[in-house]
Amino acid sequence: MGQNGIGNEEVIAEYVPRVIRGVTLPAGRVTEPGVVRMYGGGTTWIGPFEPRPATMAEVRELGALCHRSGMETVALDDARPPQWTKLLFNCATNPLCALTGLTHGEMWDVAAMHDLVSGLVDEGLRVADALGITPDGDPKALIAELAHVNYDHQPSMLQDVLAHRRTEIATLNGGIVQAGAACGVPTPLNQAIAALIAGLELSWGGATGT
């Protein structure tokens, strides 16, 4: 299921007996039917989904096949740390680009955005800590680095907004809000961002899931 955020494995597990958790970094954009422009490469991490896990043998087999095909893939016993690193990265960049119409690099050029980005990440880190998850790497450093590396990249949520498609806000910032509520961690900034995107979807008739 090619979707950012959290909560996707739970949906898949309702229909299949064994699930693999995964997260991937390569960024791209569909420029025309059957054509994808890649903006950057990166690693893919996979591991068993804890409540309905595939075996590690199956995870390693899939990882080896993906790696052999040219997609750098790492099989892990626990893929939640890299998943949450990307989650926090996306929650602090995708909706801000979607709301402003700016690319990742252009958004980062606005100095006033830095405190908002930091606040969104910090809320997510507190939720992750309450869940016993330590993100793999520093999401803030990754945001700053990729702002330069992928300066002209339009995040998927901005692409969705430009096309008036339903966004992934429910599994991104909305996912942070739900996870925070479940473990007693307030997430007012993520809640505000989720509400703004939901309102934007409503303005052009998009169905909201937050």
N, C-alpha and C. Protein backbone atom coordinates (compact mmCIF):
# COMPACT_ATOMS: atom_id res chain seq x y z
N MET A 1 0.85 -1.18 0.00
CA MET A 1 0.00 0.00 0.00
C MET A 1 0.89 1.23 0.00
N GLY A 2 0.95 1.94 -1.11
CA GLY A 2 1.87 3.06 -1.22
C GLY A 2 1.31 4.33 -0.63
N GLN A 3 1.42 4.46 0.67
CA GLN A 3 0.90 5.66 1.33
C GLN A 3 1.82 6.03 2.47
N ASN A 4 2.02 7.33 2.65
CA ASN A 4 2.82 7.81 3.77
C ASN A 4 2.02 7.75 5.06
N GLY A 5 2.73 7.88 6.18
CA GLY A 5 2.05 8.00 7.47
C GLY A 5 1.99 6.70 8.23
N ILE A 6 1.10 6.68 9.23
CA ILE A 6 0.91 5.50 10.06
C ILE A 6 -0.54 5.07 10.01
N GLY A 7 -0.78 3.80 10.31
CA GLY A 7 -2.13 3.26 10.29
C GLY A 7 -2.43 2.40 9.08
N ASN A 8 -1.53 2.41 8.09
CA ASN A 8 -1.78 1.63 6.88
C ASN A 8 -1.67 0.13 7.13
N GLU A 9 -0.68 -0.27 7.93
CA GLU A 9 -0.51 -1.70 8.20
C GLU A 9 -1.73 -2.27 8.91
N GLU A 10 -2.32 -1.46 9.80
CA GLU A 10 -3.51 -1.93 10.52
C GLU A 10 -4.66 -2.22 9.57
N VAL A 11 -4.80 -1.38 8.54
CA VAL A 11 -5.86 -1.59 7.55
C VAL A 11 -5.59 -2.86 6.75
N ILE A 12 -4.36 -3.01 6.29
CA ILE A 12 -4.00 -4.19 5.50
C ILE A 12 -4.21 -5.47 6.32
N ALA A 13 -3.88 -5.41 7.62
CA ALA A 13 -3.98 -6.59 8.48
C ALA A 13 -5.41 -7.07 8.66
N GLU A 14 -6.38 -6.22 8.34
CA GLU A 14 -7.78 -6.66 8.40
C GLU A 14 -8.12 -7.65 7.30
N TYR A 15 -7.26 -7.71 6.27
CA TYR A 15 -7.59 -8.51 5.08
C TYR A 15 -6.60 -9.64 4.80
N VAL A 16 -5.39 -9.56 5.36
CA VAL A 16 -4.39 -10.59 5.07
C VAL A 16 -3.78 -11.07 6.39
N PRO A 17 -3.28 -12.31 6.42
CA PRO A 17 -2.80 -12.87 7.69
C PRO A 17 -1.41 -12.40 8.09
N ARG A 18 -0.55 -12.02 7.14
CA ARG A 18 0.82 -11.64 7.46
C ARG A 18 1.14 -10.32 6.76
N VAL A 19 1.71 -9.40 7.52
CA VAL A 19 1.93 -8.04 7.00
C VAL A 19 3.39 -7.64 7.22
N ILE A 20 3.96 -6.95 6.25
CA ILE A 20 5.30 -6.38 6.35
C ILE A 20 5.18 -4.87 6.48
N ARG A 21 5.81 -4.32 7.50
CA ARG A 21 5.87 -2.87 7.68
C ARG A 21 6.98 -2.32 6.78
N GLY A 22 6.76 -1.17 6.15
CA GLY A 22 7.79 -0.64 5.28
C GLY A 22 7.77 0.87 5.17
N VAL A 23 8.92 1.42 4.83
CA VAL A 23 9.04 2.86 4.60
C VAL A 23 10.12 3.07 3.54
N THR A 24 9.89 4.02 2.64
CA THR A 24 10.85 4.24 1.56
C THR A 24 11.11 5.73 1.39
N LEU A 25 12.33 6.09 1.02
CA LEU A 25 12.72 7.50 0.90
C LEU A 25 12.73 8.05 -0.52
N PRO A 26 12.90 7.25 -1.58
CA PRO A 26 12.95 7.84 -2.91
C PRO A 26 11.74 8.73 -3.19
N ALA A 27 12.01 9.90 -3.77
CA ALA A 27 10.95 10.86 -4.07
C ALA A 27 10.78 11.00 -5.57
N GLY A 28 9.54 11.09 -6.00
CA GLY A 28 9.28 11.24 -7.43
C GLY A 28 7.93 11.88 -7.68
N ARG A 29 7.64 12.08 -8.96
CA ARG A 29 6.38 12.71 -9.34
C ARG A 29 5.94 12.14 -10.68
N VAL A 30 4.66 11.81 -10.79
CA VAL A 30 4.10 11.36 -12.07
C VAL A 30 3.95 12.58 -12.96
N THR A 31 4.70 12.64 -14.05
CA THR A 31 4.65 13.78 -14.95
C THR A 31 3.66 13.59 -16.09
N GLU A 32 3.40 12.33 -16.42
CA GLU A 32 2.39 11.97 -17.42
C GLU A 32 2.12 10.49 -17.24
N PRO A 33 1.03 9.98 -17.81
CA PRO A 33 0.72 8.56 -17.62
C PRO A 33 1.89 7.66 -17.99
N GLY A 34 2.31 6.83 -17.03
CA GLY A 34 3.39 5.89 -17.25
C GLY A 34 4.78 6.47 -17.12
N VAL A 35 4.88 7.75 -16.72
CA VAL A 35 6.19 8.40 -16.60
C VAL A 35 6.35 9.01 -15.23
N VAL A 36 7.40 8.62 -14.51
CA VAL A 36 7.69 9.16 -13.19
C VAL A 36 9.04 9.85 -13.22
N ARG A 37 9.09 11.10 -12.78
CA ARG A 37 10.36 11.82 -12.66
C ARG A 37 10.87 11.66 -11.24
N MET A 38 12.07 11.11 -11.09
CA MET A 38 12.65 10.91 -9.77
C MET A 38 13.41 12.16 -9.34
N TYR A 39 13.17 12.59 -8.10
CA TYR A 39 13.85 13.76 -7.55
C TYR A 39 15.00 13.35 -6.62
N GLY A 40 15.01 12.12 -6.20
CA GLY A 40 16.08 11.69 -5.31
C GLY A 40 15.93 10.22 -4.97
N GLY A 41 17.05 9.57 -4.73
CA GLY A 41 17.02 8.17 -4.34
C GLY A 41 16.95 8.05 -2.84
N GLY A 42 17.26 6.87 -2.35
CA GLY A 42 17.23 6.66 -0.90
C GLY A 42 16.96 5.22 -0.56
N THR A 43 16.99 4.95 0.71
CA THR A 43 16.86 3.59 1.22
C THR A 43 15.40 3.24 1.49
N THR A 44 15.10 1.96 1.39
CA THR A 44 13.81 1.40 1.81
C THR A 44 14.07 0.44 2.96
N TRP A 45 13.26 0.53 4.01
CA TRP A 45 13.39 -0.36 5.17
C TRP A 45 12.11 -1.16 5.32
N ILE A 46 12.23 -2.43 5.60
CA ILE A 46 11.06 -3.28 5.82
C ILE A 46 11.27 -4.15 7.04
N GLY A 47 10.17 -4.53 7.69
CA GLY A 47 10.24 -5.40 8.86
C GLY A 47 8.86 -5.95 9.17
N PRO A 48 8.75 -6.91 10.06
CA PRO A 48 7.46 -7.49 10.40
C PRO A 48 6.55 -6.46 11.06
N PHE A 49 5.26 -6.51 10.72
CA PHE A 49 4.25 -5.70 11.41
C PHE A 49 3.83 -6.47 12.65
N GLU A 50 4.11 -5.91 13.80
CA GLU A 50 4.10 -6.66 15.06
C GLU A 50 2.81 -7.44 15.34
N PRO A 51 1.61 -6.84 15.20
CA PRO A 51 0.41 -7.61 15.54
C PRO A 51 0.11 -8.76 14.58
N ARG A 52 0.48 -8.61 13.30
CA ARG A 52 0.23 -9.67 12.30
C ARG A 52 1.48 -9.85 11.45
N PRO A 53 2.58 -10.31 12.05
CA PRO A 53 3.87 -10.25 11.36
C PRO A 53 4.08 -11.32 10.29
N ALA A 54 4.68 -10.89 9.19
CA ALA A 54 5.32 -11.86 8.30
C ALA A 54 6.57 -12.36 9.01
N THR A 55 7.07 -13.51 8.62
CA THR A 55 8.29 -14.04 9.24
C THR A 55 9.49 -13.23 8.77
N MET A 56 10.57 -13.25 9.56
CA MET A 56 11.78 -12.56 9.14
C MET A 56 12.35 -13.18 7.88
N ALA A 57 12.13 -14.47 7.68
CA ALA A 57 12.60 -15.11 6.44
C ALA A 57 11.90 -14.48 5.24
N GLU A 58 10.59 -14.25 5.37
CA GLU A 58 9.84 -13.61 4.28
C GLU A 58 10.28 -12.16 4.08
N VAL A 59 10.53 -11.48 5.18
CA VAL A 59 10.99 -10.08 5.09
C VAL A 59 12.33 -10.02 4.38
N ARG A 60 13.25 -10.89 4.76
CA ARG A 60 14.58 -10.89 4.15
C ARG A 60 14.50 -11.28 2.66
N GLU A 61 13.62 -12.21 2.34
CA GLU A 61 13.48 -12.61 0.94
C GLU A 61 12.99 -11.44 0.09
N LEU A 62 11.97 -10.72 0.58
CA LEU A 62 11.48 -9.57 -0.15
C LEU A 62 12.55 -8.49 -0.26
N GLY A 63 13.27 -8.27 0.85
CA GLY A 63 14.33 -7.28 0.84
C GLY A 63 15.40 -7.60 -0.19
N ALA A 64 15.78 -8.86 -0.26
CA ALA A 64 16.81 -9.27 -1.22
C ALA A 64 16.33 -9.08 -2.65
N LEU A 65 15.08 -9.40 -2.92
CA LEU A 65 14.53 -9.23 -4.27
C LEU A 65 14.49 -7.76 -4.66
N CYS A 66 14.04 -6.91 -3.73
CA CYS A 66 13.99 -5.48 -4.02
C CYS A 66 15.39 -4.92 -4.24
N HIS A 67 16.32 -5.34 -3.38
CA HIS A 67 17.69 -4.85 -3.48
C HIS A 67 18.32 -5.27 -4.81
N ARG A 68 18.04 -6.51 -5.22
CA ARG A 68 18.60 -7.01 -6.47
C ARG A 68 18.02 -6.27 -7.68
N SER A 69 16.81 -5.77 -7.54
CA SER A 69 16.18 -5.05 -8.64
C SER A 69 16.71 -3.63 -8.79
N GLY A 70 17.53 -3.18 -7.81
CA GLY A 70 18.09 -1.84 -7.89
C GLY A 70 17.56 -0.89 -6.84
N MET A 71 16.59 -1.33 -6.02
CA MET A 71 16.05 -0.50 -4.96
C MET A 71 16.72 -0.88 -3.64
N GLU A 72 17.58 -0.02 -3.14
CA GLU A 72 18.33 -0.31 -1.92
C GLU A 72 17.36 -0.60 -0.77
N THR A 73 17.38 -1.80 -0.24
CA THR A 73 16.40 -2.23 0.76
C THR A 73 17.11 -2.91 1.92
N VAL A 74 16.69 -2.57 3.14
CA VAL A 74 17.25 -3.14 4.36
C VAL A 74 16.14 -3.84 5.13
N ALA A 75 16.35 -5.09 5.48
CA ALA A 75 15.40 -5.86 6.29
C ALA A 75 15.75 -5.70 7.76
N LEU A 76 14.78 -5.31 8.57
CA LEU A 76 15.01 -5.05 9.99
C LEU A 76 14.04 -5.85 10.84
N ASP A 77 14.46 -6.18 12.06
CA ASP A 77 13.54 -6.80 13.01
C ASP A 77 12.45 -5.81 13.42
N ASP A 78 12.77 -4.53 13.46
CA ASP A 78 11.82 -3.48 13.84
C ASP A 78 12.01 -2.29 12.91
N ALA A 79 11.05 -2.06 12.03
CA ALA A 79 11.15 -0.98 11.05
C ALA A 79 10.47 0.30 11.52
N ARG A 80 10.02 0.33 12.77
CA ARG A 80 9.33 1.53 13.25
C ARG A 80 10.25 2.75 13.36
N PRO A 81 11.52 2.60 13.79
CA PRO A 81 12.37 3.80 13.87
C PRO A 81 12.51 4.56 12.56
N PRO A 82 12.86 3.90 11.42
CA PRO A 82 12.90 4.66 10.18
C PRO A 82 11.53 5.12 9.72
N GLN A 83 10.48 4.34 10.02
CA GLN A 83 9.13 4.76 9.64
C GLN A 83 8.77 6.07 10.33
N TRP A 84 9.10 6.20 11.60
CA TRP A 84 8.76 7.41 12.34
C TRP A 84 9.66 8.58 11.94
N THR A 85 10.90 8.30 11.53
CA THR A 85 11.74 9.38 11.03
C THR A 85 11.10 10.01 9.81
N LYS A 86 10.65 9.18 8.86
CA LYS A 86 10.00 9.72 7.67
C LYS A 86 8.65 10.35 8.02
N LEU A 87 7.92 9.73 8.95
CA LEU A 87 6.63 10.30 9.37
C LEU A 87 6.81 11.73 9.87
N LEU A 88 7.78 11.94 10.75
CA LEU A 88 8.00 13.27 11.30
C LEU A 88 8.51 14.23 10.23
N PHE A 89 9.35 13.73 9.34
CA PHE A 89 9.80 14.53 8.20
C PHE A 89 8.61 15.00 7.37
N ASN A 90 7.74 14.06 7.02
CA ASN A 90 6.60 14.40 6.17
C ASN A 90 5.60 15.32 6.87
N CYS A 91 5.36 15.07 8.16
CA CYS A 91 4.39 15.89 8.90
C CYS A 91 4.83 17.35 9.01
N ALA A 92 6.14 17.57 8.99
CA ALA A 92 6.67 18.92 9.15
C ALA A 92 6.97 19.61 7.82
N THR A 93 6.81 18.90 6.70
CA THR A 93 7.11 19.51 5.40
C THR A 93 5.94 19.44 4.43
N ASN A 94 5.36 18.26 4.24
CA ASN A 94 4.33 18.10 3.22
C ASN A 94 3.16 19.07 3.37
N PRO A 95 2.54 19.17 4.55
CA PRO A 95 1.38 20.07 4.65
C PRO A 95 1.76 21.54 4.52
N LEU A 96 2.97 21.91 4.98
CA LEU A 96 3.38 23.31 4.85
C LEU A 96 3.58 23.68 3.39
N CYS A 97 4.14 22.77 2.62
CA CYS A 97 4.26 23.00 1.18
C CYS A 97 2.87 23.03 0.52
N ALA A 98 1.99 22.14 0.97
CA ALA A 98 0.65 22.09 0.40
C ALA A 98 -0.13 23.37 0.68
N LEU A 99 0.05 23.94 1.86
CA LEU A 99 -0.68 25.14 2.25
C LEU A 99 -0.12 26.41 1.60
N THR A 100 1.17 26.39 1.27
CA THR A 100 1.80 27.59 0.72
C THR A 100 2.00 27.52 -0.79
N GLY A 101 1.97 26.30 -1.36
CA GLY A 101 2.26 26.15 -2.77
C GLY A 101 3.74 26.16 -3.09
N LEU A 102 4.59 26.09 -2.07
CA LEU A 102 6.03 26.15 -2.25
C LEU A 102 6.64 24.75 -2.33
N THR A 103 7.75 24.64 -3.06
CA THR A 103 8.50 23.39 -3.04
C THR A 103 9.17 23.24 -1.68
N HIS A 104 9.76 22.07 -1.47
CA HIS A 104 10.44 21.82 -0.19
C HIS A 104 11.51 22.87 0.07
N GLY A 105 12.35 23.12 -0.93
CA GLY A 105 13.43 24.09 -0.76
C GLY A 105 12.91 25.51 -0.57
N GLU A 106 11.90 25.89 -1.34
CA GLU A 106 11.33 27.23 -1.22
C GLU A 106 10.70 27.45 0.15
N MET A 107 10.03 26.41 0.64
CA MET A 107 9.42 26.51 1.98
C MET A 107 10.50 26.72 3.03
N TRP A 108 11.61 25.98 2.93
CA TRP A 108 12.68 26.08 3.91
C TRP A 108 13.39 27.43 3.83
N ASP A 109 13.33 28.09 2.69
CA ASP A 109 13.93 29.41 2.54
C ASP A 109 13.20 30.47 3.37
N VAL A 110 11.95 30.18 3.77
CA VAL A 110 11.18 31.11 4.59
C VAL A 110 11.57 30.90 6.05
N ALA A 111 12.38 31.79 6.59
CA ALA A 111 12.93 31.59 7.94
C ALA A 111 11.84 31.42 8.99
N ALA A 112 10.71 32.09 8.80
CA ALA A 112 9.63 32.00 9.78
C ALA A 112 9.06 30.58 9.87
N MET A 113 9.30 29.74 8.85
CA MET A 113 8.80 28.36 8.87
C MET A 113 9.61 27.47 9.80
N HIS A 114 10.84 27.85 10.11
CA HIS A 114 11.72 26.96 10.84
C HIS A 114 11.18 26.61 12.22
N ASP A 115 10.66 27.60 12.94
CA ASP A 115 10.12 27.32 14.27
C ASP A 115 8.90 26.42 14.19
N LEU A 116 8.07 26.61 13.16
CA LEU A 116 6.88 25.77 13.00
C LEU A 116 7.29 24.34 12.68
N VAL A 117 8.25 24.18 11.79
CA VAL A 117 8.77 22.84 11.47
C VAL A 117 9.31 22.17 12.73
N SER A 118 10.09 22.91 13.51
CA SER A 118 10.68 22.36 14.72
C SER A 118 9.60 21.95 15.72
N GLY A 119 8.57 22.78 15.85
CA GLY A 119 7.49 22.47 16.78
C GLY A 119 6.71 21.23 16.39
N LEU A 120 6.46 21.07 15.09
CA LEU A 120 5.75 19.89 14.61
C LEU A 120 6.56 18.62 14.87
N VAL A 121 7.86 18.70 14.61
CA VAL A 121 8.73 17.54 14.86
C VAL A 121 8.79 17.22 16.35
N ASP A 122 8.92 18.24 17.18
CA ASP A 122 9.03 18.01 18.63
C ASP A 122 7.78 17.33 19.19
N GLU A 123 6.61 17.75 18.71
CA GLU A 123 5.38 17.08 19.15
C GLU A 123 5.43 15.60 18.78
N GLY A 124 5.83 15.32 17.54
CA GLY A 124 5.90 13.93 17.10
C GLY A 124 6.92 13.12 17.88
N LEU A 125 8.05 13.75 18.23
CA LEU A 125 9.06 13.05 19.02
C LEU A 125 8.53 12.68 20.40
N ARG A 126 7.73 13.57 20.98
CA ARG A 126 7.15 13.25 22.30
C ARG A 126 6.17 12.08 22.20
N VAL A 127 5.41 12.03 21.11
CA VAL A 127 4.49 10.90 20.91
C VAL A 127 5.29 9.61 20.72
N ALA A 128 6.31 9.68 19.88
CA ALA A 128 7.15 8.49 19.64
C ALA A 128 7.76 7.99 20.94
N ASP A 129 8.24 8.91 21.77
CA ASP A 129 8.84 8.52 23.04
C ASP A 129 7.83 7.82 23.93
N ALA A 130 6.59 8.33 23.95
CA ALA A 130 5.55 7.71 24.76
C ALA A 130 5.21 6.31 24.26
N LEU A 131 5.42 6.06 22.96
CA LEU A 131 5.15 4.75 22.38
C LEU A 131 6.37 3.83 22.45
N GLY A 132 7.48 4.33 22.98
CA GLY A 132 8.68 3.52 23.09
C GLY A 132 9.44 3.39 21.78
N ILE A 133 9.29 4.39 20.89
CA ILE A 133 9.95 4.36 19.58
C ILE A 133 10.99 5.48 19.53
N THR A 134 12.19 5.15 19.12
CA THR A 134 13.24 6.14 18.93
C THR A 134 13.50 6.28 17.44
N PRO A 135 13.10 7.39 16.82
CA PRO A 135 13.33 7.55 15.39
C PRO A 135 14.79 7.34 15.01
N ASP A 136 14.98 6.85 13.82
CA ASP A 136 16.31 6.52 13.31
C ASP A 136 16.89 7.76 12.63
N GLY A 137 17.67 8.54 13.38
CA GLY A 137 18.23 9.76 12.83
C GLY A 137 17.47 11.00 13.30
N ASP A 138 17.92 12.16 12.85
CA ASP A 138 17.37 13.44 13.27
C ASP A 138 16.46 13.98 12.17
N PRO A 139 15.14 13.97 12.36
CA PRO A 139 14.24 14.47 11.31
C PRO A 139 14.50 15.92 10.93
N LYS A 140 14.88 16.75 11.90
CA LYS A 140 15.13 18.16 11.60
C LYS A 140 16.33 18.32 10.68
N ALA A 141 17.38 17.56 10.95
CA ALA A 141 18.57 17.62 10.09
C ALA A 141 18.25 17.11 8.69
N LEU A 142 17.41 16.08 8.60
CA LEU A 142 17.02 15.52 7.31
C LEU A 142 16.22 16.55 6.51
N ILE A 143 15.33 17.28 7.19
CA ILE A 143 14.53 18.31 6.52
C ILE A 143 15.43 19.39 5.93
N ALA A 144 16.39 19.85 6.71
CA ALA A 144 17.30 20.90 6.23
C ALA A 144 18.17 20.39 5.09
N GLU A 145 18.66 19.15 5.21
CA GLU A 145 19.52 18.60 4.16
C GLU A 145 18.77 18.44 2.85
N LEU A 146 17.58 17.85 2.90
CA LEU A 146 16.85 17.58 1.67
C LEU A 146 16.24 18.83 1.07
N ALA A 147 16.13 19.89 1.86
CA ALA A 147 15.67 21.16 1.31
C ALA A 147 16.65 21.66 0.25
N HIS A 148 17.91 21.33 0.41
CA HIS A 148 18.92 21.71 -0.57
C HIS A 148 19.06 20.65 -1.67
N VAL A 149 19.07 19.40 -1.26
CA VAL A 149 19.27 18.32 -2.23
C VAL A 149 18.08 18.22 -3.20
N ASN A 150 16.86 18.32 -2.66
CA ASN A 150 15.64 18.22 -3.48
C ASN A 150 14.90 19.55 -3.50
N TYR A 151 15.62 20.62 -3.78
CA TYR A 151 15.08 21.97 -3.65
C TYR A 151 13.76 22.15 -4.40
N ASP A 152 13.68 21.64 -5.63
CA ASP A 152 12.50 21.87 -6.48
C ASP A 152 11.42 20.81 -6.33
N HIS A 153 11.59 19.91 -5.37
CA HIS A 153 10.62 18.82 -5.23
C HIS A 153 9.30 19.32 -4.67
N GLN A 154 8.21 18.96 -5.34
CA GLN A 154 6.86 19.21 -4.83
C GLN A 154 6.42 17.96 -4.06
N PRO A 155 6.31 18.04 -2.73
CA PRO A 155 5.88 16.86 -1.96
C PRO A 155 4.53 16.34 -2.45
N SER A 156 4.28 15.09 -2.14
CA SER A 156 3.06 14.43 -2.64
C SER A 156 1.80 15.17 -2.22
N MET A 157 1.79 15.75 -1.03
CA MET A 157 0.59 16.44 -0.59
C MET A 157 0.34 17.71 -1.40
N LEU A 158 1.40 18.41 -1.77
CA LEU A 158 1.25 19.57 -2.64
C LEU A 158 0.73 19.13 -4.01
N GLN A 159 1.26 18.02 -4.53
CA GLN A 159 0.77 17.50 -5.81
C GLN A 159 -0.72 17.18 -5.72
N ASP A 160 -1.14 16.57 -4.59
CA ASP A 160 -2.55 16.24 -4.41
C ASP A 160 -3.42 17.50 -4.35
N VAL A 161 -2.96 18.51 -3.62
CA VAL A 161 -3.74 19.74 -3.50
C VAL A 161 -3.86 20.44 -4.86
N LEU A 162 -2.77 20.49 -5.61
CA LEU A 162 -2.82 21.12 -6.93
C LEU A 162 -3.80 20.40 -7.86
N ALA A 163 -3.92 19.08 -7.67
CA ALA A 163 -4.84 18.30 -8.49
C ALA A 163 -6.22 18.15 -7.86
N HIS A 164 -6.44 18.79 -6.69
CA HIS A 164 -7.70 18.68 -5.95
C HIS A 164 -8.05 17.23 -5.65
N ARG A 165 -7.03 16.48 -5.21
CA ARG A 165 -7.24 15.10 -4.76
C ARG A 165 -7.21 15.06 -3.24
N ARG A 166 -7.87 14.06 -2.68
CA ARG A 166 -7.81 13.85 -1.24
C ARG A 166 -6.36 13.60 -0.83
N THR A 167 -5.94 14.23 0.25
CA THR A 167 -4.56 14.13 0.71
C THR A 167 -4.38 13.00 1.72
N GLU A 168 -3.13 12.83 2.17
CA GLU A 168 -2.80 11.81 3.17
C GLU A 168 -2.78 12.39 4.59
N ILE A 169 -3.43 13.52 4.80
CA ILE A 169 -3.32 14.21 6.08
C ILE A 169 -3.79 13.33 7.24
N ALA A 170 -4.76 12.44 7.01
CA ALA A 170 -5.29 11.61 8.10
C ALA A 170 -4.25 10.64 8.64
N THR A 171 -3.32 10.19 7.78
CA THR A 171 -2.30 9.25 8.24
C THR A 171 -0.99 9.95 8.59
N LEU A 172 -0.87 11.22 8.25
CA LEU A 172 0.33 11.98 8.60
C LEU A 172 0.08 12.75 9.89
N ASN A 173 -0.23 14.03 9.81
CA ASN A 173 -0.47 14.81 11.03
C ASN A 173 -1.66 14.27 11.80
N GLY A 174 -2.69 13.82 11.07
CA GLY A 174 -3.83 13.20 11.75
C GLY A 174 -3.44 11.95 12.50
N GLY A 175 -2.49 11.19 11.96
CA GLY A 175 -1.99 10.00 12.65
C GLY A 175 -1.25 10.36 13.92
N ILE A 176 -0.45 11.45 13.87
CA ILE A 176 0.24 11.93 15.07
C ILE A 176 -0.77 12.34 16.13
N VAL A 177 -1.82 13.04 15.71
CA VAL A 177 -2.85 13.50 16.65
C VAL A 177 -3.53 12.31 17.32
N GLN A 178 -3.90 11.30 16.53
CA GLN A 178 -4.58 10.13 17.09
C GLN A 178 -3.66 9.35 18.03
N ALA A 179 -2.41 9.17 17.61
CA ALA A 179 -1.46 8.44 18.47
C ALA A 179 -1.20 9.21 19.75
N GLY A 180 -1.11 10.54 19.65
CA GLY A 180 -0.90 11.36 20.84
C GLY A 180 -2.07 11.28 21.80
N ALA A 181 -3.28 11.31 21.26
CA ALA A 181 -4.46 11.21 22.10
C ALA A 181 -4.50 9.87 22.83
N ALA A 182 -4.08 8.81 22.14
CA ALA A 182 -4.12 7.47 22.73
C ALA A 182 -3.13 7.31 23.88
N CYS A 183 -2.02 8.08 23.83
CA CYS A 183 -1.02 7.93 24.89
C CYS A 183 -0.91 9.18 25.77
N GLY A 184 -1.87 10.09 25.64
CA GLY A 184 -1.94 11.25 26.53
C GLY A 184 -0.93 12.34 26.26
N VAL A 185 -0.48 12.47 25.01
CA VAL A 185 0.47 13.52 24.65
C VAL A 185 -0.23 14.56 23.79
N PRO A 186 -0.28 15.82 24.23
CA PRO A 186 -0.96 16.86 23.43
C PRO A 186 -0.20 17.14 22.13
N THR A 187 -0.94 17.39 21.06
CA THR A 187 -0.33 17.68 19.76
C THR A 187 -1.07 18.83 19.08
N PRO A 188 -1.11 20.02 19.69
CA PRO A 188 -1.92 21.12 19.13
C PRO A 188 -1.45 21.61 17.78
N LEU A 189 -0.14 21.63 17.52
CA LEU A 189 0.33 22.11 16.22
C LEU A 189 -0.08 21.14 15.10
N ASN A 190 0.11 19.85 15.33
CA ASN A 190 -0.28 18.87 14.33
C ASN A 190 -1.80 18.88 14.13
N GLN A 191 -2.53 19.10 15.20
CA GLN A 191 -3.99 19.17 15.10
C GLN A 191 -4.40 20.38 14.25
N ALA A 192 -3.74 21.51 14.45
CA ALA A 192 -4.05 22.71 13.68
C ALA A 192 -3.74 22.50 12.19
N ILE A 193 -2.59 21.90 11.91
CA ILE A 193 -2.21 21.66 10.51
C ILE A 193 -3.20 20.71 9.85
N ALA A 194 -3.60 19.65 10.57
CA ALA A 194 -4.56 18.70 10.03
C ALA A 194 -5.89 19.38 9.73
N ALA A 195 -6.32 20.29 10.62
CA ALA A 195 -7.57 21.01 10.41
C ALA A 195 -7.48 21.94 9.20
N LEU A 196 -6.34 22.59 9.01
CA LEU A 196 -6.17 23.49 7.87
C LEU A 196 -6.23 22.73 6.55
N ILE A 197 -5.57 21.58 6.49
CA ILE A 197 -5.62 20.79 5.26
C ILE A 197 -7.04 20.25 5.02
N ALA A 198 -7.71 19.83 6.09
CA ALA A 198 -9.08 19.36 5.94
C ALA A 198 -9.97 20.48 5.40
N GLY A 199 -9.77 21.70 5.89
CA GLY A 199 -10.53 22.83 5.40
C GLY A 199 -10.22 23.15 3.95
N LEU A 200 -8.95 23.01 3.57
CA LEU A 200 -8.57 23.23 2.18
C LEU A 200 -9.24 22.22 1.27
N GLU A 201 -9.25 20.96 1.69
CA GLU A 201 -9.94 19.92 0.89
C GLU A 201 -11.42 20.27 0.74
N LEU A 202 -12.03 20.72 1.82
CA LEU A 202 -13.45 21.05 1.80
C LEU A 202 -13.73 22.20 0.84
N SER A 203 -12.78 23.13 0.70
CA SER A 203 -13.00 24.30 -0.14
C SER A 203 -13.17 23.95 -1.61
N TRP A 204 -12.56 22.80 -2.04
CA TRP A 204 -12.76 22.39 -3.43
C TRP A 204 -13.47 21.04 -3.54
N GLY A 205 -14.19 20.70 -2.47
CA GLY A 205 -15.03 19.51 -2.51
C GLY A 205 -14.32 18.22 -2.22
N GLY A 206 -13.09 18.29 -1.70
CA GLY A 206 -12.36 17.06 -1.37
C GLY A 206 -12.94 16.39 -0.15
N ALA A 207 -12.96 15.05 -0.16
CA ALA A 207 -13.44 14.31 1.00
C ALA A 207 -12.38 14.32 2.07
N THR A 208 -12.73 14.64 3.30
CA THR A 208 -11.76 14.69 4.39
C THR A 208 -11.89 13.48 5.27
N GLY A 209 -10.74 13.08 5.85
CA GLY A 209 -10.75 11.90 6.71
C GLY A 209 -10.22 12.20 8.09
N THR A 210 -10.21 13.49 8.49
CA THR A 210 -9.67 13.84 9.78
C THR A 210 -10.77 14.21 10.75
